[in-house]
Amino acid sequence: MTLAHLNVAEAGVDDMIRVAHKSGASIRQLADVSGLGRKTVTAIVTSEGATPD
């Protein structure tokens, strides 16, 4: 897997986390399911790449 593939995969995961959070999933639930820490999930949800309302 190349670095470009990893960036695409990470972007997809970030988008899925944002959509799930917008749909009602909690930060804790997303952290548990994704295997990421709550601080990381919070950073993803609040990042500039977040989808607009």
N, C-alpha and C. Protein backbone atom coordinates (compact mmCIF):
# COMPACT_ATOMS: atom_id res chain seq x y z
N MET A 1 0.85 -1.17 0.00
CA MET A 1 0.00 0.00 0.00
C MET A 1 0.90 1.24 0.00
N THR A 2 0.59 2.19 -0.86
CA THR A 2 1.40 3.40 -0.95
C THR A 2 0.88 4.47 -0.01
N LEU A 3 1.67 5.52 0.15
CA LEU A 3 1.27 6.63 0.99
C LEU A 3 -0.01 7.28 0.48
N ALA A 4 -0.16 7.36 -0.83
CA ALA A 4 -1.38 7.93 -1.42
C ALA A 4 -2.60 7.10 -1.03
N HIS A 5 -2.46 5.78 -1.04
CA HIS A 5 -3.57 4.91 -0.64
C HIS A 5 -3.93 5.13 0.83
N LEU A 6 -2.92 5.30 1.68
CA LEU A 6 -3.19 5.53 3.10
C LEU A 6 -3.93 6.85 3.29
N ASN A 7 -3.54 7.89 2.57
CA ASN A 7 -4.21 9.18 2.71
C ASN A 7 -5.67 9.09 2.29
N VAL A 8 -5.96 8.36 1.24
CA VAL A 8 -7.34 8.18 0.78
C VAL A 8 -8.13 7.40 1.82
N ALA A 9 -7.53 6.35 2.36
CA ALA A 9 -8.21 5.54 3.37
C ALA A 9 -8.49 6.36 4.62
N GLU A 10 -7.51 7.16 5.05
CA GLU A 10 -7.71 7.99 6.24
C GLU A 10 -8.79 9.02 6.01
N ALA A 11 -8.82 9.62 4.84
CA ALA A 11 -9.85 10.61 4.53
C ALA A 11 -11.23 9.96 4.56
N GLY A 12 -11.35 8.74 4.07
CA GLY A 12 -12.63 8.03 4.09
C GLY A 12 -13.09 7.75 5.51
N VAL A 13 -12.17 7.36 6.37
CA VAL A 13 -12.51 7.09 7.77
C VAL A 13 -12.94 8.38 8.45
N ASP A 14 -12.23 9.47 8.21
CA ASP A 14 -12.59 10.75 8.79
C ASP A 14 -14.01 11.15 8.38
N ASP A 15 -14.31 11.00 7.11
CA ASP A 15 -15.65 11.34 6.62
C ASP A 15 -16.71 10.47 7.27
N MET A 16 -16.42 9.19 7.41
CA MET A 16 -17.40 8.28 8.03
C MET A 16 -17.63 8.65 9.49
N ILE A 17 -16.56 9.03 10.19
CA ILE A 17 -16.70 9.45 11.59
C ILE A 17 -17.54 10.71 11.68
N ARG A 18 -17.31 11.67 10.79
CA ARG A 18 -18.10 12.91 10.81
C ARG A 18 -19.57 12.63 10.54
N VAL A 19 -19.86 11.79 9.56
CA VAL A 19 -21.26 11.46 9.23
C VAL A 19 -21.92 10.73 10.39
N ALA A 20 -21.22 9.78 10.97
CA ALA A 20 -21.80 9.03 12.09
C ALA A 20 -22.08 9.95 13.27
N HIS A 21 -21.18 10.89 13.54
CA HIS A 21 -21.39 11.83 14.64
C HIS A 21 -22.57 12.74 14.35
N LYS A 22 -22.64 13.21 13.12
CA LYS A 22 -23.76 14.07 12.73
C LYS A 22 -25.09 13.31 12.82
N SER A 23 -25.04 11.99 12.66
CA SER A 23 -26.24 11.16 12.73
C SER A 23 -26.60 10.75 14.15
N GLY A 24 -25.80 11.15 15.11
CA GLY A 24 -26.16 10.91 16.50
C GLY A 24 -25.22 10.03 17.31
N ALA A 25 -24.19 9.48 16.70
CA ALA A 25 -23.25 8.66 17.45
C ALA A 25 -22.40 9.55 18.36
N SER A 26 -22.12 9.07 19.55
CA SER A 26 -21.32 9.85 20.49
C SER A 26 -19.82 9.70 20.18
N ILE A 27 -19.05 10.63 20.70
CA ILE A 27 -17.59 10.56 20.54
C ILE A 27 -17.08 9.25 21.12
N ARG A 28 -17.58 8.88 22.28
CA ARG A 28 -17.14 7.63 22.93
C ARG A 28 -17.46 6.41 22.07
N GLN A 29 -18.67 6.36 21.51
CA GLN A 29 -19.04 5.24 20.64
C GLN A 29 -18.12 5.17 19.43
N LEU A 30 -17.87 6.31 18.82
CA LEU A 30 -17.01 6.34 17.63
C LEU A 30 -15.58 5.93 17.97
N ALA A 31 -15.09 6.36 19.12
CA ALA A 31 -13.74 5.98 19.54
C ALA A 31 -13.66 4.48 19.76
N ASP A 32 -14.67 3.91 20.41
CA ASP A 32 -14.68 2.46 20.65
C ASP A 32 -14.69 1.66 19.35
N VAL A 33 -15.54 2.06 18.43
CA VAL A 33 -15.69 1.32 17.18
C VAL A 33 -14.48 1.49 16.27
N SER A 34 -13.93 2.70 16.21
CA SER A 34 -12.82 2.97 15.29
C SER A 34 -11.47 2.51 15.83
N GLY A 35 -11.37 2.36 17.14
CA GLY A 35 -10.08 2.01 17.73
C GLY A 35 -9.21 3.23 17.96
N LEU A 36 -9.76 4.41 17.72
CA LEU A 36 -9.03 5.66 17.94
C LEU A 36 -9.37 6.19 19.33
N GLY A 37 -8.55 7.10 19.82
CA GLY A 37 -8.82 7.72 21.11
C GLY A 37 -9.90 8.79 20.99
N ARG A 38 -10.50 9.12 22.12
CA ARG A 38 -11.56 10.14 22.10
C ARG A 38 -11.03 11.50 21.66
N LYS A 39 -9.81 11.82 22.03
CA LYS A 39 -9.22 13.10 21.59
C LYS A 39 -9.06 13.13 20.08
N THR A 40 -8.65 12.02 19.50
CA THR A 40 -8.48 11.94 18.05
C THR A 40 -9.82 12.07 17.35
N VAL A 41 -10.83 11.36 17.85
CA VAL A 41 -12.16 11.44 17.25
C VAL A 41 -12.72 12.85 17.37
N THR A 42 -12.52 13.48 18.52
CA THR A 42 -12.98 14.86 18.71
C THR A 42 -12.30 15.78 17.71
N ALA A 43 -11.01 15.59 17.49
CA ALA A 43 -10.28 16.42 16.53
C ALA A 43 -10.82 16.22 15.11
N ILE A 44 -11.17 15.00 14.76
CA ILE A 44 -11.72 14.72 13.43
C ILE A 44 -13.07 15.38 13.27
N VAL A 45 -13.93 15.23 14.27
CA VAL A 45 -15.28 15.78 14.20
C VAL A 45 -15.26 17.30 14.12
N THR A 46 -14.33 17.93 14.80
CA THR A 46 -14.29 19.40 14.84
C THR A 46 -13.33 20.01 13.82
N SER A 47 -12.69 19.17 12.99
CA SER A 47 -11.71 19.69 12.03
C SER A 47 -12.39 20.47 10.91
N GLU A 48 -11.61 21.25 10.20
CA GLU A 48 -12.13 22.08 9.10
C GLU A 48 -12.71 21.26 7.96
N GLY A 49 -12.34 20.02 7.85
CA GLY A 49 -12.86 19.17 6.77
C GLY A 49 -14.26 18.68 7.04
N ALA A 50 -14.83 19.10 8.15
CA ALA A 50 -16.17 18.65 8.51
C ALA A 50 -17.18 19.07 7.46
N THR A 51 -18.15 18.19 7.25
CA THR A 51 -19.19 18.48 6.27
C THR A 51 -20.11 19.58 6.79
N PRO A 52 -20.54 20.51 5.95
CA PRO A 52 -21.41 21.58 6.41
C PRO A 52 -22.82 21.06 6.73
N ASP A 53 -23.52 21.80 7.57
CA ASP A 53 -24.89 21.41 7.95
C ASP A 53 -25.86 21.55 6.84
